[in-house]
């Protein structure tokens, strides 16, 4: 049974009011507490975290929610319909599988797992469970990314040639995952979403400057079957915070700058003009310098859009935009990149997913 069929078969049993438990109320999880406490169509019933300070802070945001420190208590609670996992990445796959087997819908923060094998296991259990399994690929719910995808699909920028992303800042250091596993899921998920395909190979190089064995900076190069190429640089050891993705197309070039407070997209009407007929080679390609257009975008908070999508998928019996398959595809890319990283940047083929 496919995930679409499984989710549809559960449509009639989905509750009108979805009762949610947020597991992990730390650095990022507290934002889930804040969002679900205010979100229509659901009730934040329980917050789980082993840290008493985190629970105290969560209680201030969601005073009506019960508090606990044991994940087993969440799994055993029959009043909980859905579980939101904002826990350390090393726990994601196991905790997701346990929640699905307990009959809960799951929204798991990125990355879905830290190995392809674990991500495949999550996908298999999700398809068997008939529950909504959604991966927290936040950027797929960003208005600028959605507009950029529309431009690509409509042919507005012409054929996409290549893309490059930059996601760097100073801190926050992690010990259970390197900069690639922590930051690159954002850019990989965006690129796969924009292009609608998985690369055929990936090469990665990085270095651990601050903590032995934990790379602070990583450069990834993705090659796609149709000749497109993508480059991603991630680092938590950089003087500036930058969140940029540039798409170079046949007709136009577009820059997505998420660090800018309002001007998220810049569309450059630049490129090379190819005349239909030419007599001299110098006439074949001529530079075209056009206008720069900054479109107006309504910019709802992506996390709010993501969480609302999760609740609506449960209520309507729909498959999510970033489901188990999309989560696995990102891990397939990162898993191959990790192999390349351990082999001095040698390209690694990405196996086809049946």
C-alpha atoms as a PDB file:
ATOM      1  CA  UNK A   1       0.000   0.000   0.000  1.00  0.00           C
ATOM      2  CA  UNK A   2       1.358   3.437  -0.951  1.00  0.00           C
ATOM      3  CA  UNK A   3       1.524   6.244   1.581  1.00  0.00           C
ATOM      4  CA  UNK A   4      -1.174   8.108  -0.378  1.00  0.00           C
ATOM      5  CA  UNK A   5      -3.509   5.104  -0.187  1.00  0.00           C
ATOM      6  CA  UNK A   6      -2.678   4.497   3.469  1.00  0.00           C
ATOM      7  CA  UNK A   7      -3.328   8.083   4.476  1.00  0.00           C
ATOM      8  CA  UNK A   8      -6.546   8.212   2.438  1.00  0.00           C
ATOM      9  CA  UNK A   9      -7.815   5.041   4.110  1.00  0.00           C
ATOM     10  CA  UNK A  10      -7.399   6.745   7.490  1.00  0.00           C
ATOM     11  CA  UNK A  11      -9.324   9.834   6.406  1.00  0.00           C
ATOM     12  CA  UNK A  12     -12.644   8.928   8.010  1.00  0.00           C
ATOM     13  CA  UNK A  13     -11.017   8.174  11.372  1.00  0.00           C
ATOM     14  CA  UNK A  14      -9.079  11.445  11.584  1.00  0.00           C
ATOM     15  CA  UNK A  15     -10.357  13.551  14.477  1.00  0.00           C
ATOM     16  CA  UNK A  16     -11.811  17.022  13.905  1.00  0.00           C
ATOM     17  CA  UNK A  17      -9.596  18.380  16.682  1.00  0.00           C
ATOM     18  CA  UNK A  18      -6.075  16.967  16.570  1.00  0.00           C
ATOM     19  CA  UNK A  19      -4.492  16.522  20.001  1.00  0.00           C
ATOM     20  CA  UNK A  20      -0.750  17.110  19.761  1.00  0.00           C
ATOM     21  CA  UNK A  21       2.259  16.296  21.912  1.00  0.00           C
ATOM     22  CA  UNK A  22       5.512  18.196  21.318  1.00  0.00           C
ATOM     23  CA  UNK A  23       8.566  16.157  22.294  1.00  0.00           C
ATOM     24  CA  UNK A  24      11.630  18.337  22.804  1.00  0.00           C
ATOM     25  CA  UNK A  25      11.128  21.921  23.953  1.00  0.00           C
ATOM     26  CA  UNK A  26      14.693  23.157  23.600  1.00  0.00           C
ATOM     27  CA  UNK A  27      16.381  25.532  21.155  1.00  0.00           C
ATOM     28  CA  UNK A  28      14.024  24.789  18.229  1.00  0.00           C
ATOM     29  CA  UNK A  29      11.296  22.720  19.862  1.00  0.00           C
ATOM     30  CA  UNK A  30      10.077  25.690  21.896  1.00  0.00           C
ATOM     31  CA  UNK A  31       8.987  27.255  18.588  1.00  0.00           C
ATOM     32  CA  UNK A  32       6.789  24.222  17.953  1.00  0.00           C
ATOM     33  CA  UNK A  33       5.297  24.673  21.421  1.00  0.00           C
ATOM     34  CA  UNK A  34       4.520  28.312  20.668  1.00  0.00           C
ATOM     35  CA  UNK A  35       3.059  27.525  17.235  1.00  0.00           C
ATOM     36  CA  UNK A  36       0.858  24.555  18.153  1.00  0.00           C
ATOM     37  CA  UNK A  37      -0.412  26.333  21.276  1.00  0.00           C
ATOM     38  CA  UNK A  38      -1.955  28.986  18.997  1.00  0.00           C
ATOM     39  CA  UNK A  39      -2.864  26.900  15.953  1.00  0.00           C
ATOM     40  CA  UNK A  40      -6.520  26.399  15.030  1.00  0.00           C
ATOM     41  CA  UNK A  41      -7.749  22.851  14.534  1.00  0.00           C
ATOM     42  CA  UNK A  42      -5.517  21.319  17.168  1.00  0.00           C
ATOM     43  CA  UNK A  43      -4.937  21.215  20.901  1.00  0.00           C
ATOM     44  CA  UNK A  44      -1.463  21.152  22.385  1.00  0.00           C
ATOM     45  CA  UNK A  45      -2.149  18.496  24.987  1.00  0.00           C
ATOM     46  CA  UNK A  46       1.302  17.485  26.198  1.00  0.00           C
ATOM     47  CA  UNK A  47       4.906  18.738  26.163  1.00  0.00           C
ATOM     48  CA  UNK A  48       7.690  16.262  26.863  1.00  0.00           C
ATOM     49  CA  UNK A  49      11.296  17.121  27.670  1.00  0.00           C
ATOM     50  CA  UNK A  50      13.819  15.656  30.156  1.00  0.00           C
ATOM     51  CA  UNK A  51      15.047  19.167  31.038  1.00  0.00           C
ATOM     52  CA  UNK A  52      12.995  20.869  33.757  1.00  0.00           C
ATOM     53  CA  UNK A  53      14.044  24.324  32.512  1.00  0.00           C
ATOM     54  CA  UNK A  54      12.675  23.596  29.077  1.00  0.00           C
ATOM     55  CA  UNK A  55       9.395  22.373  30.550  1.00  0.00           C
ATOM     56  CA  UNK A  56       9.085  25.505  32.661  1.00  0.00           C
ATOM     57  CA  UNK A  57       9.554  27.704  29.621  1.00  0.00           C
ATOM     58  CA  UNK A  58       7.042  25.623  27.652  1.00  0.00           C
ATOM     59  CA  UNK A  59       4.491  25.981  30.450  1.00  0.00           C
ATOM     60  CA  UNK A  60       4.640  29.743  30.036  1.00  0.00           C
ATOM     61  CA  UNK A  61       3.765  29.399  26.330  1.00  0.00           C
ATOM     62  CA  UNK A  62       1.171  26.642  26.697  1.00  0.00           C
ATOM     63  CA  UNK A  63      -0.270  26.832  30.240  1.00  0.00           C
ATOM     64  CA  UNK A  64      -3.051  24.340  29.503  1.00  0.00           C
ATOM     65  CA  UNK A  65      -0.700  21.605  28.274  1.00  0.00           C
ATOM     66  CA  UNK A  66       0.369  18.773  30.548  1.00  0.00           C
ATOM     67  CA  UNK A  67       4.106  18.267  31.101  1.00  0.00           C
ATOM     68  CA  UNK A  68       6.200  15.112  31.298  1.00  0.00           C
ATOM     69  CA  UNK A  69       9.815  14.019  30.995  1.00  0.00           C
ATOM     70  CA  UNK A  70       9.394  10.448  29.674  1.00  0.00           C
ATOM     71  CA  UNK A  71       8.763   9.742  25.973  1.00  0.00           C
ATOM     72  CA  UNK A  72       7.195   6.392  26.866  1.00  0.00           C
ATOM     73  CA  UNK A  73       4.435   8.321  28.600  1.00  0.00           C
ATOM     74  CA  UNK A  74       3.645  10.119  25.321  1.00  0.00           C
ATOM     75  CA  UNK A  75       3.494   6.846  23.390  1.00  0.00           C
ATOM     76  CA  UNK A  76       1.194   5.228  25.945  1.00  0.00           C
ATOM     77  CA  UNK A  77      -1.237   8.151  26.136  1.00  0.00           C
ATOM     78  CA  UNK A  78      -4.378   7.258  24.121  1.00  0.00           C
ATOM     79  CA  UNK A  79      -5.497  10.901  24.046  1.00  0.00           C
ATOM     80  CA  UNK A  80      -2.543  11.916  21.848  1.00  0.00           C
ATOM     81  CA  UNK A  81      -3.262  11.846  18.111  1.00  0.00           C
ATOM     82  CA  UNK A  82      -0.034  13.347  16.814  1.00  0.00           C
ATOM     83  CA  UNK A  83       3.570  13.647  17.965  1.00  0.00           C
ATOM     84  CA  UNK A  84       5.973  16.425  16.992  1.00  0.00           C
ATOM     85  CA  UNK A  85       9.626  15.430  17.409  1.00  0.00           C
ATOM     86  CA  UNK A  86      12.141  18.239  17.964  1.00  0.00           C
ATOM     87  CA  UNK A  87      14.740  16.040  19.623  1.00  0.00           C
ATOM     88  CA  UNK A  88      18.434  15.384  18.803  1.00  0.00           C
ATOM     89  CA  UNK A  89      18.878  14.064  15.263  1.00  0.00           C
ATOM     90  CA  UNK A  90      20.369  10.795  16.467  1.00  0.00           C
ATOM     91  CA  UNK A  91      16.969   9.927  18.003  1.00  0.00           C
ATOM     92  CA  UNK A  92      14.720  10.871  15.094  1.00  0.00           C
ATOM     93  CA  UNK A  93      14.397   7.548  13.275  1.00  0.00           C
ATOM     94  CA  UNK A  94      13.828   5.430  16.387  1.00  0.00           C
ATOM     95  CA  UNK A  95      11.375   7.849  17.979  1.00  0.00           C
ATOM     96  CA  UNK A  96       9.432   8.246  14.734  1.00  0.00           C
ATOM     97  CA  UNK A  97       9.058   4.493  14.295  1.00  0.00           C
ATOM     98  CA  UNK A  98       7.915   4.076  17.906  1.00  0.00           C
ATOM     99  CA  UNK A  99       5.301   6.802  17.512  1.00  0.00           C
ATOM    100  CA  UNK A 100       3.967   5.404  14.235  1.00  0.00           C
ATOM    101  CA  UNK A 101       3.686   1.922  15.749  1.00  0.00           C
ATOM    102  CA  UNK A 102       1.817   3.460  18.669  1.00  0.00           C
ATOM    103  CA  UNK A 103      -0.758   4.767  16.198  1.00  0.00           C
ATOM    104  CA  UNK A 104       0.348   8.411  16.253  1.00  0.00           C
ATOM    105  CA  UNK A 105       0.757  10.792  13.335  1.00  0.00           C
ATOM    106  CA  UNK A 106       4.291  12.201  13.306  1.00  0.00           C
ATOM    107  CA  UNK A 107       5.982  15.464  12.363  1.00  0.00           C
ATOM    108  CA  UNK A 108       9.724  14.827  12.722  1.00  0.00           C
ATOM    109  CA  UNK A 109      12.254  17.615  12.470  1.00  0.00           C
ATOM    110  CA  UNK A 110      15.042  17.334   9.903  1.00  0.00           C
ATOM    111  CA  UNK A 111      17.034  15.269   9.295  1.00  0.00           C
ATOM    112  CA  UNK A 112      14.683  12.298   9.272  1.00  0.00           C
ATOM    113  CA  UNK A 113      17.607   9.987  10.106  1.00  0.00           C
ATOM    114  CA  UNK A 114      21.385   9.885  10.054  1.00  0.00           C
ATOM    115  CA  UNK A 115      21.631   6.909   7.685  1.00  0.00           C
ATOM    116  CA  UNK A 116      19.843   5.713   4.556  1.00  0.00           C
ATOM    117  CA  UNK A 117      19.039   2.400   6.238  1.00  0.00           C
ATOM    118  CA  UNK A 118      17.226   4.117   9.110  1.00  0.00           C
ATOM    119  CA  UNK A 119      15.379   6.476   6.752  1.00  0.00           C
ATOM    120  CA  UNK A 120      14.183   3.508   4.681  1.00  0.00           C
ATOM    121  CA  UNK A 121      12.941   1.836   7.857  1.00  0.00           C
ATOM    122  CA  UNK A 122      10.958   4.957   8.773  1.00  0.00           C
ATOM    123  CA  UNK A 123       9.404   5.105   5.300  1.00  0.00           C
ATOM    124  CA  UNK A 124       8.425   1.428   5.430  1.00  0.00           C
ATOM    125  CA  UNK A 125       6.771   1.755   8.841  1.00  0.00           C
ATOM    126  CA  UNK A 126       5.014   4.962   7.767  1.00  0.00           C
ATOM    127  CA  UNK A 127       3.496   3.251   4.735  1.00  0.00           C
ATOM    128  CA  UNK A 128       2.345   0.322   6.856  1.00  0.00           C
ATOM    129  CA  UNK A 129       0.891   2.469   9.620  1.00  0.00           C
ATOM    130  CA  UNK A 130      -1.665   4.451   7.639  1.00  0.00           C
ATOM    131  CA  UNK A 131      -0.655   7.554   9.603  1.00  0.00           C
ATOM    132  CA  UNK A 132       0.656  10.882   8.379  1.00  0.00           C
ATOM    133  CA  UNK A 133       4.451  10.944   8.541  1.00  0.00           C
ATOM    134  CA  UNK A 134       5.815  14.385   7.779  1.00  0.00           C
ATOM    135  CA  UNK A 135       9.420  15.543   7.750  1.00  0.00           C
ATOM    136  CA  UNK A 136      10.184  19.065   8.952  1.00  0.00           C
ATOM    137  CA  UNK A 137      11.669  20.446   5.738  1.00  0.00           C
ATOM    138  CA  UNK A 138      10.768  23.963   6.765  1.00  0.00           C
ATOM    139  CA  UNK A 139      11.915  25.722   3.598  1.00  0.00           C
ATOM    140  CA  UNK A 140       9.344  23.898   1.467  1.00  0.00           C
ATOM    141  CA  UNK A 141       6.747  26.023   3.271  1.00  0.00           C
ATOM    142  CA  UNK A 142       8.473  29.333   2.581  1.00  0.00           C
ATOM    143  CA  UNK A 143       6.560  31.679   0.271  1.00  0.00           C
ATOM    144  CA  UNK A 144       9.703  32.642  -1.660  1.00  0.00           C
ATOM    145  CA  UNK A 145      10.605  29.008  -2.357  1.00  0.00           C
ATOM    146  CA  UNK A 146       7.070  28.316  -3.551  1.00  0.00           C
ATOM    147  CA  UNK A 147       7.213  31.327  -5.888  1.00  0.00           C
ATOM    148  CA  UNK A 148      10.604  30.239  -7.191  1.00  0.00           C
ATOM    149  CA  UNK A 149       9.250  26.768  -7.926  1.00  0.00           C
ATOM    150  CA  UNK A 150       6.318  28.291  -9.819  1.00  0.00           C
ATOM    151  CA  UNK A 151       8.752  30.312 -11.921  1.00  0.00           C
ATOM    152  CA  UNK A 152      10.767  27.207 -12.787  1.00  0.00           C
ATOM    153  CA  UNK A 153       7.737  25.053 -13.593  1.00  0.00           C
ATOM    154  CA  UNK A 154       6.132  27.754 -15.747  1.00  0.00           C
ATOM    155  CA  UNK A 155       9.334  28.189 -17.743  1.00  0.00           C
ATOM    156  CA  UNK A 156       9.619  31.828 -16.698  1.00  0.00           C
ATOM    157  CA  UNK A 157      13.383  31.584 -16.194  1.00  0.00           C
ATOM    158  CA  UNK A 158      13.898  29.091 -19.010  1.00  0.00           C
ATOM    159  CA  UNK A 159      15.883  25.915 -18.604  1.00  0.00           C
ATOM    160  CA  UNK A 160      17.705  25.761 -15.273  1.00  0.00           C
ATOM    161  CA  UNK A 161      21.456  25.489 -15.781  1.00  0.00           C
ATOM    162  CA  UNK A 162      22.797  25.289 -12.235  1.00  0.00           C
ATOM    163  CA  UNK A 163      22.150  26.345  -8.616  1.00  0.00           C
ATOM    164  CA  UNK A 164      24.353  27.241  -5.684  1.00  0.00           C
ATOM    165  CA  UNK A 165      23.488  27.692  -2.032  1.00  0.00           C
ATOM    166  CA  UNK A 166      25.222  29.331   0.915  1.00  0.00           C
ATOM    167  CA  UNK A 167      24.139  28.592   4.494  1.00  0.00           C
ATOM    168  CA  UNK A 168      26.747  29.856   6.966  1.00  0.00           C
ATOM    169  CA  UNK A 169      26.930  31.554  10.361  1.00  0.00           C
ATOM    170  CA  UNK A 170      28.952  31.616  13.583  1.00  0.00           C
ATOM    171  CA  UNK A 171      27.560  28.835  15.828  1.00  0.00           C
ATOM    172  CA  UNK A 172      25.542  26.959  17.037  1.00  0.00           C
ATOM    173  CA  UNK A 173      27.996  24.076  17.567  1.00  0.00           C
ATOM    174  CA  UNK A 174      26.591  20.560  17.688  1.00  0.00           C
ATOM    175  CA  UNK A 175      28.251  17.375  18.876  1.00  0.00           C
ATOM    176  CA  UNK A 176      25.932  14.651  17.529  1.00  0.00           C
ATOM    177  CA  UNK A 177      25.981  15.876  13.897  1.00  0.00           C
ATOM    178  CA  UNK A 178      28.361  17.884  11.726  1.00  0.00           C
ATOM    179  CA  UNK A 179      27.557  21.078   9.831  1.00  0.00           C
ATOM    180  CA  UNK A 180      26.432  19.089   6.794  1.00  0.00           C
ATOM    181  CA  UNK A 181      23.841  17.015   8.636  1.00  0.00           C
ATOM    182  CA  UNK A 182      22.708  20.042  10.630  1.00  0.00           C
ATOM    183  CA  UNK A 183      22.433  22.668   7.867  1.00  0.00           C
ATOM    184  CA  UNK A 184      22.477  21.013   4.436  1.00  0.00           C
ATOM    185  CA  UNK A 185      19.054  19.290   4.735  1.00  0.00           C
ATOM    186  CA  UNK A 186      17.520  22.734   4.154  1.00  0.00           C
ATOM    187  CA  UNK A 187      19.322  23.368   0.871  1.00  0.00           C
ATOM    188  CA  UNK A 188      19.141  19.785  -0.377  1.00  0.00           C
ATOM    189  CA  UNK A 189      15.389  19.667   0.247  1.00  0.00           C
ATOM    190  CA  UNK A 190      14.901  22.998  -1.569  1.00  0.00           C
ATOM    191  CA  UNK A 191      16.950  21.925  -4.589  1.00  0.00           C
ATOM    192  CA  UNK A 192      15.212  18.556  -4.913  1.00  0.00           C
ATOM    193  CA  UNK A 193      11.836  20.309  -4.581  1.00  0.00           C
ATOM    194  CA  UNK A 194      12.687  22.942  -7.196  1.00  0.00           C
ATOM    195  CA  UNK A 195      14.084  20.480  -9.748  1.00  0.00           C
ATOM    196  CA  UNK A 196      11.746  17.569  -9.038  1.00  0.00           C
ATOM    197  CA  UNK A 197      14.549  15.029  -9.181  1.00  0.00           C
ATOM    198  CA  UNK A 198      17.303  13.396  -7.147  1.00  0.00           C
ATOM    199  CA  UNK A 199      20.949  13.797  -8.248  1.00  0.00           C
ATOM    200  CA  UNK A 200      22.826  10.847  -9.655  1.00  0.00           C
ATOM    201  CA  UNK A 201      26.049  11.573  -7.764  1.00  0.00           C
ATOM    202  CA  UNK A 202      27.453  13.807  -5.054  1.00  0.00           C
ATOM    203  CA  UNK A 203      30.932  14.823  -3.939  1.00  0.00           C
ATOM    204  CA  UNK A 204      31.715  16.450  -0.596  1.00  0.00           C
ATOM    205  CA  UNK A 205      34.768  17.882   1.111  1.00  0.00           C
ATOM    206  CA  UNK A 206      34.965  19.360   4.592  1.00  0.00           C
ATOM    207  CA  UNK A 207      37.129  19.854   7.641  1.00  0.00           C
ATOM    208  CA  UNK A 208      36.815  19.735  11.419  1.00  0.00           C
ATOM    209  CA  UNK A 209      38.551  22.774  12.887  1.00  0.00           C
ATOM    210  CA  UNK A 210      36.904  23.055  16.304  1.00  0.00           C
ATOM    211  CA  UNK A 211      35.929  19.500  17.294  1.00  0.00           C
ATOM    212  CA  UNK A 212      37.769  16.360  16.166  1.00  0.00           C
ATOM    213  CA  UNK A 213      35.636  14.322  13.787  1.00  0.00           C
ATOM    214  CA  UNK A 214      32.823  16.911  13.548  1.00  0.00           C
ATOM    215  CA  UNK A 215      33.167  18.947  10.353  1.00  0.00           C
ATOM    216  CA  UNK A 216      32.500  22.672  10.826  1.00  0.00           C
ATOM    217  CA  UNK A 217      32.502  23.465   7.099  1.00  0.00           C
ATOM    218  CA  UNK A 218      31.449  21.282   4.164  1.00  0.00           C
ATOM    219  CA  UNK A 219      31.220  21.884   0.398  1.00  0.00           C
ATOM    220  CA  UNK A 220      28.854  19.638  -1.573  1.00  0.00           C
ATOM    221  CA  UNK A 221      28.563  19.245  -5.344  1.00  0.00           C
ATOM    222  CA  UNK A 222      25.467  17.553  -6.789  1.00  0.00           C
ATOM    223  CA  UNK A 223      25.239  16.266 -10.366  1.00  0.00           C
ATOM    224  CA  UNK A 224      21.841  15.503 -11.923  1.00  0.00           C
ATOM    225  CA  UNK A 225      21.019  13.123 -14.741  1.00  0.00           C
ATOM    226  CA  UNK A 226      19.994  15.894 -17.145  1.00  0.00           C
ATOM    227  CA  UNK A 227      23.252  17.816 -16.698  1.00  0.00           C
ATOM    228  CA  UNK A 228      22.122  20.266 -14.038  1.00  0.00           C
ATOM    229  CA  UNK A 229      24.552  20.929 -11.218  1.00  0.00           C
ATOM    230  CA  UNK A 230      24.207  22.306  -7.680  1.00  0.00           C
ATOM    231  CA  UNK A 231      26.821  23.500  -5.220  1.00  0.00           C
ATOM    232  CA  UNK A 232      26.157  23.918  -1.473  1.00  0.00           C
ATOM    233  CA  UNK A 233      28.413  25.474   1.154  1.00  0.00           C
ATOM    234  CA  UNK A 234      27.493  25.034   4.825  1.00  0.00           C
ATOM    235  CA  UNK A 235      29.378  26.174   7.905  1.00  0.00           C
ATOM    236  CA  UNK A 236      28.882  27.236  11.509  1.00  0.00           C
ATOM    237  CA  UNK A 237      32.350  28.829  11.489  1.00  0.00           C
ATOM    238  CA  UNK A 238      31.836  31.982   9.453  1.00  0.00           C
ATOM    239  CA  UNK A 239      31.820  35.720  10.281  1.00  0.00           C
ATOM    240  CA  UNK A 240      28.435  36.344   8.645  1.00  0.00           C
ATOM    241  CA  UNK A 241      25.013  34.755   8.749  1.00  0.00           C
ATOM    242  CA  UNK A 242      23.964  34.121   5.178  1.00  0.00           C
ATOM    243  CA  UNK A 243      21.068  32.124   3.759  1.00  0.00           C
ATOM    244  CA  UNK A 244      21.180  32.406  -0.016  1.00  0.00           C
ATOM    245  CA  UNK A 245      20.284  30.256  -2.993  1.00  0.00           C
ATOM    246  CA  UNK A 246      20.923  31.355  -6.580  1.00  0.00           C
ATOM    247  CA  UNK A 247      19.266  29.742  -9.594  1.00  0.00           C
ATOM    248  CA  UNK A 248      20.869  30.410 -12.974  1.00  0.00           C
ATOM    249  CA  UNK A 249      18.490  29.856 -15.854  1.00  0.00           C
ATOM    250  CA  UNK A 250      18.460  30.185 -19.609  1.00  0.00           C
ATOM    251  CA  UNK A 251      16.349  33.361 -19.605  1.00  0.00           C
ATOM    252  CA  UNK A 252      16.644  34.752 -16.068  1.00  0.00           C
ATOM    253  CA  UNK A 253      18.600  34.326 -12.868  1.00  0.00           C
ATOM    254  CA  UNK A 254      16.990  34.402  -9.424  1.00  0.00           C
ATOM    255  CA  UNK A 255      18.498  34.941  -5.985  1.00  0.00           C
ATOM    256  CA  UNK A 256      16.652  33.828  -2.858  1.00  0.00           C
ATOM    257  CA  UNK A 257      18.057  35.691   0.153  1.00  0.00           C
ATOM    258  CA  UNK A 258      16.354  34.537   3.323  1.00  0.00           C
ATOM    259  CA  UNK A 259      18.526  36.790   5.480  1.00  0.00           C
ATOM    260  CA  UNK A 260      16.972  39.921   3.986  1.00  0.00           C
ATOM    261  CA  UNK A 261      13.976  41.048   6.075  1.00  0.00           C
ATOM    262  CA  UNK A 262      11.705  41.875   3.113  1.00  0.00           C
ATOM    263  CA  UNK A 263      13.412  41.406  -0.275  1.00  0.00           C
ATOM    264  CA  UNK A 264      13.498  37.626  -0.353  1.00  0.00           C
ATOM    265  CA  UNK A 265      13.634  37.248  -4.142  1.00  0.00           C
ATOM    266  CA  UNK A 266      15.607  39.188  -6.730  1.00  0.00           C
ATOM    267  CA  UNK A 267      14.939  38.321 -10.357  1.00  0.00           C
ATOM    268  CA  UNK A 268      17.716  39.305 -12.761  1.00  0.00           C
ATOM    269  CA  UNK A 269      16.744  39.655 -16.399  1.00  0.00           C
ATOM    270  CA  UNK A 270      20.285  38.783 -17.441  1.00  0.00           C
ATOM    271  CA  UNK A 271      21.886  36.141 -19.552  1.00  0.00           C
ATOM    272  CA  UNK A 272      23.179  35.413 -23.033  1.00  0.00           C
ATOM    273  CA  UNK A 273      21.051  36.046 -26.078  1.00  0.00           C
ATOM    274  CA  UNK A 274      21.135  33.409 -28.826  1.00  0.00           C
ATOM    275  CA  UNK A 275      19.988  34.919 -32.160  1.00  0.00           C
ATOM    276  CA  UNK A 276      18.116  32.572 -34.511  1.00  0.00           C
ATOM    277  CA  UNK A 277      20.572  33.315 -37.317  1.00  0.00           C
ATOM    278  CA  UNK A 278      24.143  34.551 -37.278  1.00  0.00           C
ATOM    279  CA  UNK A 279      26.953  34.997 -39.798  1.00  0.00           C
ATOM    280  CA  UNK A 280      29.912  35.422 -37.465  1.00  0.00           C
ATOM    281  CA  UNK A 281      30.817  33.494 -34.332  1.00  0.00           C
ATOM    282  CA  UNK A 282      31.024  36.752 -32.347  1.00  0.00           C
ATOM    283  CA  UNK A 283      27.334  37.306 -33.040  1.00  0.00           C
ATOM    284  CA  UNK A 284      26.307  33.923 -31.695  1.00  0.00           C
ATOM    285  CA  UNK A 285      26.220  34.803 -27.970  1.00  0.00           C
ATOM    286  CA  UNK A 286      25.673  38.342 -26.760  1.00  0.00           C
ATOM    287  CA  UNK A 287      25.254  39.459 -23.146  1.00  0.00           C
ATOM    288  CA  UNK A 288      21.792  40.679 -22.161  1.00  0.00           C
ATOM    289  CA  UNK A 289      21.599  43.058 -19.194  1.00  0.00           C
ATOM    290  CA  UNK A 290      18.004  43.708 -18.223  1.00  0.00           C
ATOM    291  CA  UNK A 291      16.158  44.926 -15.147  1.00  0.00           C
ATOM    292  CA  UNK A 292      16.260  43.576 -11.614  1.00  0.00           C
ATOM    293  CA  UNK A 293      12.774  42.795 -10.317  1.00  0.00           C
ATOM    294  CA  UNK A 294      11.944  42.374  -6.618  1.00  0.00           C
ATOM    295  CA  UNK A 295       8.440  40.856  -6.399  1.00  0.00           C
ATOM    296  CA  UNK A 296       6.127  41.573  -3.496  1.00  0.00           C
ATOM    297  CA  UNK A 297       5.515  38.443  -1.431  1.00  0.00           C
ATOM    298  CA  UNK A 298       3.140  37.775   1.416  1.00  0.00           C
ATOM    299  CA  UNK A 299       5.461  36.211   3.983  1.00  0.00           C
ATOM    300  CA  UNK A 300       3.623  34.144   6.584  1.00  0.00           C
ATOM    301  CA  UNK A 301       5.902  32.426   9.078  1.00  0.00           C
ATOM    302  CA  UNK A 302       7.075  29.187   7.395  1.00  0.00           C
ATOM    303  CA  UNK A 303       6.832  27.218  10.651  1.00  0.00           C
ATOM    304  CA  UNK A 304       3.199  28.240  11.057  1.00  0.00           C
ATOM    305  CA  UNK A 305       2.469  27.192   7.464  1.00  0.00           C
ATOM    306  CA  UNK A 306       4.273  23.880   7.991  1.00  0.00           C
ATOM    307  CA  UNK A 307       2.435  23.048  11.213  1.00  0.00           C
ATOM    308  CA  UNK A 308      -0.928  24.018   9.735  1.00  0.00           C
ATOM    309  CA  UNK A 309      -0.195  21.766   6.743  1.00  0.00           C
ATOM    310  CA  UNK A 310       0.521  18.890   9.126  1.00  0.00           C
ATOM    311  CA  UNK A 311      -2.807  19.322  10.908  1.00  0.00           C
ATOM    312  CA  UNK A 312      -4.726  19.663   7.629  1.00  0.00           C
ATOM    313  CA  UNK A 313      -3.128  16.492   6.239  1.00  0.00           C
ATOM    314  CA  UNK A 314      -4.314  14.598   9.304  1.00  0.00           C
ATOM    315  CA  UNK A 315      -7.837  16.028   9.149  1.00  0.00           C
ATOM    316  CA  UNK A 316      -8.259  15.597   5.386  1.00  0.00           C
ATOM    317  CA  UNK A 317      -6.367  12.335   4.968  1.00  0.00           C
ATOM    318  CA  UNK A 318      -3.818  13.824   2.584  1.00  0.00           C
ATOM    319  CA  UNK A 319      -0.171  12.991   1.994  1.00  0.00           C
ATOM    320  CA  UNK A 320       2.125  15.834   3.138  1.00  0.00           C
ATOM    321  CA  UNK A 321       4.350  17.908   0.874  1.00  0.00           C
ATOM    322  CA  UNK A 322       7.398  16.666   2.781  1.00  0.00           C
ATOM    323  CA  UNK A 323       6.541  13.086   3.588  1.00  0.00           C
ATOM    324  CA  UNK A 324       8.635  10.015   4.301  1.00  0.00           C
ATOM    325  CA  UNK A 325       9.680   9.668   0.651  1.00  0.00           C
ATOM    326  CA  UNK A 326      10.923  13.251   0.476  1.00  0.00           C
ATOM    327  CA  UNK A 327      12.686  12.789   3.799  1.00  0.00           C
ATOM    328  CA  UNK A 328      14.371   9.626   2.509  1.00  0.00           C
ATOM    329  CA  UNK A 329      15.464  11.337  -0.723  1.00  0.00           C
ATOM    330  CA  UNK A 330      17.296  14.011   1.269  1.00  0.00           C
ATOM    331  CA  UNK A 331      18.991  11.338   3.395  1.00  0.00           C
ATOM    332  CA  UNK A 332      20.008   9.431   0.254  1.00  0.00           C
ATOM    333  CA  UNK A 333      21.854  12.546  -0.913  1.00  0.00           C
ATOM    334  CA  UNK A 334      23.414  13.261   2.488  1.00  0.00           C
ATOM    335  CA  UNK A 335      24.312   9.616   3.017  1.00  0.00           C
ATOM    336  CA  UNK A 336      26.223   9.555  -0.269  1.00  0.00           C
ATOM    337  CA  UNK A 337      27.812  12.909   0.598  1.00  0.00           C
ATOM    338  CA  UNK A 338      28.934  11.492   3.924  1.00  0.00           C
ATOM    339  CA  UNK A 339      30.661   8.600   2.139  1.00  0.00           C
ATOM    340  CA  UNK A 340      32.375  11.082  -0.164  1.00  0.00           C
ATOM    341  CA  UNK A 341      33.407  13.186   2.818  1.00  0.00           C
ATOM    342  CA  UNK A 342      35.123  10.138   4.373  1.00  0.00           C
ATOM    343  CA  UNK A 343      36.836   9.344   1.062  1.00  0.00           C
ATOM    344  CA  UNK A 344      38.537  12.712   0.433  1.00  0.00           C
ATOM    345  CA  UNK A 345      35.788  14.066  -1.824  1.00  0.00           C
ATOM    346  CA  UNK A 346      35.551  11.197  -4.304  1.00  0.00           C
ATOM    347  CA  UNK A 347      32.167  11.290  -6.122  1.00  0.00           C
ATOM    348  CA  UNK A 348      29.645   8.755  -4.862  1.00  0.00           C
ATOM    349  CA  UNK A 349      26.729   7.455  -6.935  1.00  0.00           C
ATOM    350  CA  UNK A 350      23.272   7.720  -5.406  1.00  0.00           C
ATOM    351  CA  UNK A 351      21.421   4.427  -5.745  1.00  0.00           C
ATOM    352  CA  UNK A 352      17.959   4.479  -7.291  1.00  0.00           C
ATOM    353  CA  UNK A 353      15.094   4.057  -4.842  1.00  0.00           C
ATOM    354  CA  UNK A 354      12.667   1.298  -5.982  1.00  0.00           C
END
